[in-house]
Structure formats: structure tokens, C-alpha cells
C-alpha atoms as a PDB file:
ATOM      1  CA  UNK A   1     107.918  86.618 125.182  1.00  0.00           C
ATOM      2  CA  UNK A   2     110.513  88.807 126.579  1.00  0.00           C
ATOM      3  CA  UNK A   3     111.665  92.022 124.974  1.00  0.00           C
ATOM      4  CA  UNK A   4     115.072  90.315 124.110  1.00  0.00           C
ATOM      5  CA  UNK A   5     113.158  87.457 122.334  1.00  0.00           C
ATOM      6  CA  UNK A   6     110.871  89.762 120.587  1.00  0.00           C
ATOM      7  CA  UNK A   7     114.018  91.646 119.285  1.00  0.00           C
ATOM      8  CA  UNK A   8     115.688  88.593 118.297  1.00  0.00           C
ATOM      9  CA  UNK A   9     112.431  87.505 116.403  1.00  0.00           C
ATOM     10  CA  UNK A  10     112.303  90.979 114.726  1.00  0.00           C
ATOM     11  CA  UNK A  11     115.976  90.930 113.801  1.00  0.00           C
ATOM     12  CA  UNK A  12     115.465  87.516 112.212  1.00  0.00           C
ATOM     13  CA  UNK A  13     112.522  88.710 110.375  1.00  0.00           C
ATOM     14  CA  UNK A  14     114.227  91.622 109.015  1.00  0.00           C
ATOM     15  CA  UNK A  15     116.984  89.693 107.753  1.00  0.00           C
ATOM     16  CA  UNK A  16     114.388  87.185 105.949  1.00  0.00           C
ATOM     17  CA  UNK A  17     112.912  90.125 104.349  1.00  0.00           C
ATOM     18  CA  UNK A  18     116.149  91.380 103.245  1.00  0.00           C
ATOM     19  CA  UNK A  19     117.173  88.076 101.835  1.00  0.00           C
ATOM     20  CA  UNK A  20     113.848  87.461 100.069  1.00  0.00           C
ATOM     21  CA  UNK A  21     112.450  89.705  97.523  1.00  0.00           C
ATOM     22  CA  UNK A  22     109.060  88.056  97.480  1.00  0.00           C
ATOM     23  CA  UNK A  23     106.873  86.979 100.299  1.00  0.00           C
ATOM     24  CA  UNK A  24     103.087  86.243 100.614  1.00  0.00           C
ATOM     25  CA  UNK A  25     100.952  86.860 103.827  1.00  0.00           C
ATOM     26  CA  UNK A  26      98.282  84.173 104.311  1.00  0.00           C
ATOM     27  CA  UNK A  27      95.636  83.417 107.069  1.00  0.00           C
ATOM     28  CA  UNK A  28      95.459  79.634 107.755  1.00  0.00           C
ATOM     29  CA  UNK A  29      93.123  80.136 110.722  1.00  0.00           C
ATOM     30  CA  UNK A  30      90.415  77.290 110.999  1.00  0.00           C
ATOM     31  CA  UNK A  31      92.853  74.755 109.633  1.00  0.00           C
ATOM     32  CA  UNK A  32      93.533  71.688 111.801  1.00  0.00           C
ATOM     33  CA  UNK A  33      97.030  70.825 112.998  1.00  0.00           C
ATOM     34  CA  UNK A  34      97.112  67.927 110.087  1.00  0.00           C
ATOM     35  CA  UNK A  35      96.016  70.322 107.443  1.00  0.00           C
ATOM     36  CA  UNK A  36      98.540  73.011 108.633  1.00  0.00           C
ATOM     37  CA  UNK A  37     101.089  70.269 108.483  1.00  0.00           C
ATOM     38  CA  UNK A  38     100.086  69.265 104.862  1.00  0.00           C
ATOM     39  CA  UNK A  39     100.446  72.751 103.698  1.00  0.00           C
ATOM     40  CA  UNK A  40     103.744  73.327 105.301  1.00  0.00           C
ATOM     41  CA  UNK A  41     104.798  69.974 103.425  1.00  0.00           C
ATOM     42  CA  UNK A  42     103.415  71.397 100.143  1.00  0.00           C
ATOM     43  CA  UNK A  43     105.548  74.683 100.859  1.00  0.00           C
ATOM     44  CA  UNK A  44     108.477  72.990 101.858  1.00  0.00           C
ATOM     45  CA  UNK A  45     108.538  70.620  98.661  1.00  0.00           C
ATOM     46  CA  UNK A  46     108.389  73.973  96.475  1.00  0.00           C
ATOM     47  CA  UNK A  47     111.197  75.573  98.195  1.00  0.00           C
ATOM     48  CA  UNK A  48     108.986  78.121 100.280  1.00  0.00           C
ATOM     49  CA  UNK A  49     109.720  78.769 104.001  1.00  0.00           C
ATOM     50  CA  UNK A  50     106.182  79.183 105.825  1.00  0.00           C
ATOM     51  CA  UNK A  51     106.168  80.734 109.109  1.00  0.00           C
ATOM     52  CA  UNK A  52     103.533  81.842 111.617  1.00  0.00           C
ATOM     53  CA  UNK A  53     104.447  85.239 113.335  1.00  0.00           C
ATOM     54  CA  UNK A  54     102.543  87.833 115.437  1.00  0.00           C
ATOM     55  CA  UNK A  55     101.602  90.810 113.187  1.00  0.00           C
ATOM     56  CA  UNK A  56     103.083  93.483 115.430  1.00  0.00           C
ATOM     57  CA  UNK A  57     106.403  91.655 114.979  1.00  0.00           C
ATOM     58  CA  UNK A  58     106.138  91.529 111.325  1.00  0.00           C
ATOM     59  CA  UNK A  59     105.127  95.168 111.145  1.00  0.00           C
ATOM     60  CA  UNK A  60     108.459  96.063 113.013  1.00  0.00           C
ATOM     61  CA  UNK A  61     110.598  93.958 110.831  1.00  0.00           C
ATOM     62  CA  UNK A  62     109.021  95.578 107.896  1.00  0.00           C
ATOM     63  CA  UNK A  63     109.611  99.172 109.264  1.00  0.00           C
ATOM     64  CA  UNK A  64     113.357  98.201 109.431  1.00  0.00           C
ATOM     65  CA  UNK A  65     113.618  97.839 105.588  1.00  0.00           C
ATOM     66  CA  UNK A  66     114.418 100.709 103.324  1.00  0.00           C
ATOM     67  CA  UNK A  67     110.952 100.214 101.209  1.00  0.00           C
ATOM     68  CA  UNK A  68     107.432 101.325 102.340  1.00  0.00           C
ATOM     69  CA  UNK A  69     105.337  98.640 103.370  1.00  0.00           C
ATOM     70  CA  UNK A  70     102.628 100.580 105.156  1.00  0.00           C
ATOM     71  CA  UNK A  71     100.253  99.402 102.629  1.00  0.00           C
ATOM     72  CA  UNK A  72     100.166  96.007 104.212  1.00  0.00           C
ATOM     73  CA  UNK A  73      99.049  97.221 107.773  1.00  0.00           C
ATOM     74  CA  UNK A  74      95.411  96.546 106.828  1.00  0.00           C
ATOM     75  CA  UNK A  75      96.294  92.891 105.762  1.00  0.00           C
ATOM     76  CA  UNK A  76      98.295  92.512 109.022  1.00  0.00           C
ATOM     77  CA  UNK A  77      95.148  91.860 111.242  1.00  0.00           C
ATOM     78  CA  UNK A  78      94.096  88.468 112.641  1.00  0.00           C
ATOM     79  CA  UNK A  79      96.178  85.213 112.122  1.00  0.00           C
ATOM     80  CA  UNK A  80      99.077  85.712 109.695  1.00  0.00           C
ATOM     81  CA  UNK A  81     101.566  83.354 108.241  1.00  0.00           C
ATOM     82  CA  UNK A  82     104.384  84.350 105.986  1.00  0.00           C
ATOM     83  CA  UNK A  83     105.617  82.594 103.072  1.00  0.00           C
ATOM     84  CA  UNK A  84     109.029  83.283 101.876  1.00  0.00           C
ATOM     85  CA  UNK A  85     110.459  82.474  98.549  1.00  0.00           C
ATOM     86  CA  UNK A  86     113.616  83.345  96.742  1.00  0.00           C
ATOM     87  CA  UNK A  87     113.138  83.196  92.892  1.00  0.00           C
ATOM     88  CA  UNK A  88     110.086  82.284  91.303  1.00  0.00           C
ATOM     89  CA  UNK A  89     107.447  84.777  92.598  1.00  0.00           C
ATOM     90  CA  UNK A  90     104.487  82.760  91.547  1.00  0.00           C
ATOM     91  CA  UNK A  91     105.153  79.452  93.255  1.00  0.00           C
ATOM     92  CA  UNK A  92     103.568  80.530  96.526  1.00  0.00           C
ATOM     93  CA  UNK A  93     100.376  81.570  94.867  1.00  0.00           C
ATOM     94  CA  UNK A  94     100.052  78.222  92.914  1.00  0.00           C
ATOM     95  CA  UNK A  95     100.694  76.528  96.261  1.00  0.00           C
ATOM     96  CA  UNK A  96      97.697  78.262  97.898  1.00  0.00           C
ATOM     97  CA  UNK A  97      95.599  77.834  95.173  1.00  0.00           C
ATOM     98  CA  UNK A  98      96.345  74.038  94.858  1.00  0.00           C
ATOM     99  CA  UNK A  99      95.742  73.559  98.530  1.00  0.00           C
ATOM    100  CA  UNK A 100      92.479  75.524  98.256  1.00  0.00           C
ATOM    101  CA  UNK A 101      91.366  72.771  95.639  1.00  0.00           C
ATOM    102  CA  UNK A 102      91.553  70.241  98.521  1.00  0.00           C
ATOM    103  CA  UNK A 103      89.663  72.307 101.102  1.00  0.00           C
ATOM    104  CA  UNK A 104      86.026  72.804 101.055  1.00  0.00           C
ATOM    105  CA  UNK A 105      86.236  76.118 103.008  1.00  0.00           C
ATOM    106  CA  UNK A 106      88.810  77.525 100.422  1.00  0.00           C
ATOM    107  CA  UNK A 107      91.532  77.874 102.946  1.00  0.00           C
ATOM    108  CA  UNK A 108      94.310  79.266 103.302  1.00  0.00           C
ATOM    109  CA  UNK A 109      93.156  82.729 102.717  1.00  0.00           C
ATOM    110  CA  UNK A 110      95.392  85.060 100.598  1.00  0.00           C
ATOM    111  CA  UNK A 111      95.978  88.321 102.370  1.00  0.00           C
ATOM    112  CA  UNK A 112      98.754  90.067 100.655  1.00  0.00           C
ATOM    113  CA  UNK A 113     102.026  89.798  98.775  1.00  0.00           C
ATOM    114  CA  UNK A 114     105.165  91.752  97.946  1.00  0.00           C
ATOM    115  CA  UNK A 115     106.979  90.930  94.759  1.00  0.00           C
ATOM    116  CA  UNK A 116     110.164  93.073  94.646  1.00  0.00           C
ATOM    117  CA  UNK A 117     108.506  95.629  96.911  1.00  0.00           C
ATOM    118  CA  UNK A 118     105.389  95.976  94.835  1.00  0.00           C
ATOM    119  CA  UNK A 119     102.308  95.319  97.001  1.00  0.00           C
ATOM    120  CA  UNK A 120      99.458  93.015  96.029  1.00  0.00           C
ATOM    121  CA  UNK A 121      96.516  92.832  98.384  1.00  0.00           C
ATOM    122  CA  UNK A 122      93.248  90.838  98.444  1.00  0.00           C
ATOM    123  CA  UNK A 123      92.141  87.398  97.233  1.00  0.00           C
ATOM    124  CA  UNK A 124      91.403  88.748  93.980  1.00  0.00           C
ATOM    125  CA  UNK A 125      95.137  89.151  93.208  1.00  0.00           C
ATOM    126  CA  UNK A 126      95.782  85.504  93.650  1.00  0.00           C
ATOM    127  CA  UNK A 127      94.996  84.399  89.981  1.00  0.00           C
ATOM    128  CA  UNK A 128      97.234  87.171  88.718  1.00  0.00           C
ATOM    129  CA  UNK A 129     100.102  86.306  90.874  1.00  0.00           C
ATOM    130  CA  UNK A 130      99.974  82.565  89.926  1.00  0.00           C
ATOM    131  CA  UNK A 131     100.051  83.595  86.277  1.00  0.00           C
ATOM    132  CA  UNK A 132     103.383  85.773  86.805  1.00  0.00           C
ATOM    133  CA  UNK A 133     106.283  84.543  84.423  1.00  0.00           C
ATOM    134  CA  UNK A 134     109.614  83.996  86.208  1.00  0.00           C
ATOM    135  CA  UNK A 135     112.696  85.681  84.967  1.00  0.00           C
ATOM    136  CA  UNK A 136     113.915  82.810  83.071  1.00  0.00           C
ATOM    137  CA  UNK A 137     110.691  82.448  81.061  1.00  0.00           C
ATOM    138  CA  UNK A 138     110.654  85.944  80.412  1.00  0.00           C
ATOM    139  CA  UNK A 139     114.211  86.034  79.179  1.00  0.00           C
ATOM    140  CA  UNK A 140     113.263  83.078  77.093  1.00  0.00           C
ATOM    141  CA  UNK A 141     110.350  84.749  75.398  1.00  0.00           C
ATOM    142  CA  UNK A 142     112.426  87.886  74.558  1.00  0.00           C
ATOM    143  CA  UNK A 143     115.130  85.617  73.025  1.00  0.00           C
ATOM    144  CA  UNK A 144     112.577  83.918  70.876  1.00  0.00           C
ATOM    145  CA  UNK A 145     111.052  87.006  69.719  1.00  0.00           C
ATOM    146  CA  UNK A 146     114.430  88.371  68.653  1.00  0.00           C
ATOM    147  CA  UNK A 147     115.145  85.113  66.744  1.00  0.00           C
ATOM    148  CA  UNK A 148     112.051  85.089  64.914  1.00  0.00           C
ATOM    149  CA  UNK A 149     112.632  87.422  62.224  1.00  0.00           C
ATOM    150  CA  UNK A 150     116.176  85.620  61.542  1.00  0.00           C
ATOM    151  CA  UNK A 151     114.213  82.352  61.243  1.00  0.00           C
ATOM    152  CA  UNK A 152     111.913  83.663  58.804  1.00  0.00           C
ATOM    153  CA  UNK A 153     114.571  84.937  56.532  1.00  0.00           C
ATOM    154  CA  UNK A 154     116.474  81.642  56.723  1.00  0.00           C
ATOM    155  CA  UNK A 155     113.489  79.583  56.050  1.00  0.00           C
ATOM    156  CA  UNK A 156     112.717  81.724  53.274  1.00  0.00           C
ATOM    157  CA  UNK A 157     116.265  81.401  51.834  1.00  0.00           C
ATOM    158  CA  UNK A 158     116.243  77.700  52.287  1.00  0.00           C
ATOM    159  CA  UNK A 159     112.819  77.261  50.408  1.00  0.00           C
ATOM    160  CA  UNK A 160     114.757  78.779  47.459  1.00  0.00           C
ATOM    161  CA  UNK A 161     113.149  79.200  44.015  1.00  0.00           C
ATOM    162  CA  UNK A 162     110.206  81.639  43.791  1.00  0.00           C
ATOM    163  CA  UNK A 163     110.203  82.557  47.432  1.00  0.00           C
ATOM    164  CA  UNK A 164     113.896  83.931  47.175  1.00  0.00           C
ATOM    165  CA  UNK A 165     113.086  85.905  44.257  1.00  0.00           C
ATOM    166  CA  UNK A 166     109.907  87.306  45.838  1.00  0.00           C
ATOM    167  CA  UNK A 167     111.956  88.162  48.798  1.00  0.00           C
ATOM    168  CA  UNK A 168     114.747  89.984  46.886  1.00  0.00           C
ATOM    169  CA  UNK A 169     112.089  91.779  44.870  1.00  0.00           C
ATOM    170  CA  UNK A 170     110.370  92.991  48.306  1.00  0.00           C
ATOM    171  CA  UNK A 171     113.512  94.167  49.444  1.00  0.00           C
ATOM    172  CA  UNK A 172     114.399  96.275  46.420  1.00  0.00           C
ATOM    173  CA  UNK A 173     110.966  97.860  46.597  1.00  0.00           C
ATOM    174  CA  UNK A 174     111.565  99.013  50.165  1.00  0.00           C
ATOM    175  CA  UNK A 175     114.294 101.115  49.123  1.00  0.00           C
END
């Protein structure tokens, strides 16, 4: 690979890292071509872009970013593939876990991830990452929590009778 080609790859990777706030680094070494194609297919079906890139080029692309990704240096050894995802940060973790269920050697290996510049390193982080909630799920939960007290008051008013009198009495006692 010539210097110009390496510079183009680094520039392309830098752009990808800037466009995607979430990325995972995996090790798919030992998988056959058919297994890697199956893994790529699973990624593609979930909206994940999977690329295999040399570690030195990944490091140089990460150095071009404003955030400090030096913590990933230990993870960038051996065979590395990058999974880029735009929105739901937990999707790549779920894909890795699903694929591991079909592989007797528990591959691919999870090396590291960056979620909004937060770094997660090591196989033990995969479960936690797979349980992350998306932004939409979190917003839905907050709205549900905010609506809960109002729903309780409305249901108490609808039930009427003794419940309404008890509610009014309780509110009077608070003052």
C-alpha cells in the first residue's frame, strides 16, 4: 500500500469516526470466509457497517479526532474489525452476542467500543453494552415517569366516592 493510499484510508476512517458517535472493535480471526460473510450479513441487516482495517491506520485516524482515544491502544493489537453504527449503540453488542451463540469458539471476540467518546474495553463489557437503552427508549421512560402522578390523580378522581373524599382529606392535611 503506497503512502497516498494509506493517507486516503486514514482520511476516510477519520471521516467515518466523525460521522458515527458509536463504534466497536472486534477480533474475527479464526472465522472462515463463510462465517465472516454471515457476520457481515448480520451487521448489514441491522444497519451496521463492518470493516477490517490495519491497527496502525485506525490509530492514526483516531489521532485526527478531538477526543482522546489513547485508551484503545491496547485493544488495537492483532486482527481488528470496526463496526460503525449511527444511532442505537447497543445493536453491535447484540449482533456480536447473537453470532457468538452460533459459534462453538465464542467468536468474534469483543475488544473495545466507544459510545459518545466513552471507552469500554474487554469482553466483560459486552453484556453491559447490549443492555444500553436507546435515546428513544430513555425519553419514553422519562415521559412515562412524568405522566405517572397525573394518571394516579385522574384514576382517583374517576373512581369517585370515598376515594375522592380521602384524596381531598389527605391534601388538606398536608397544608
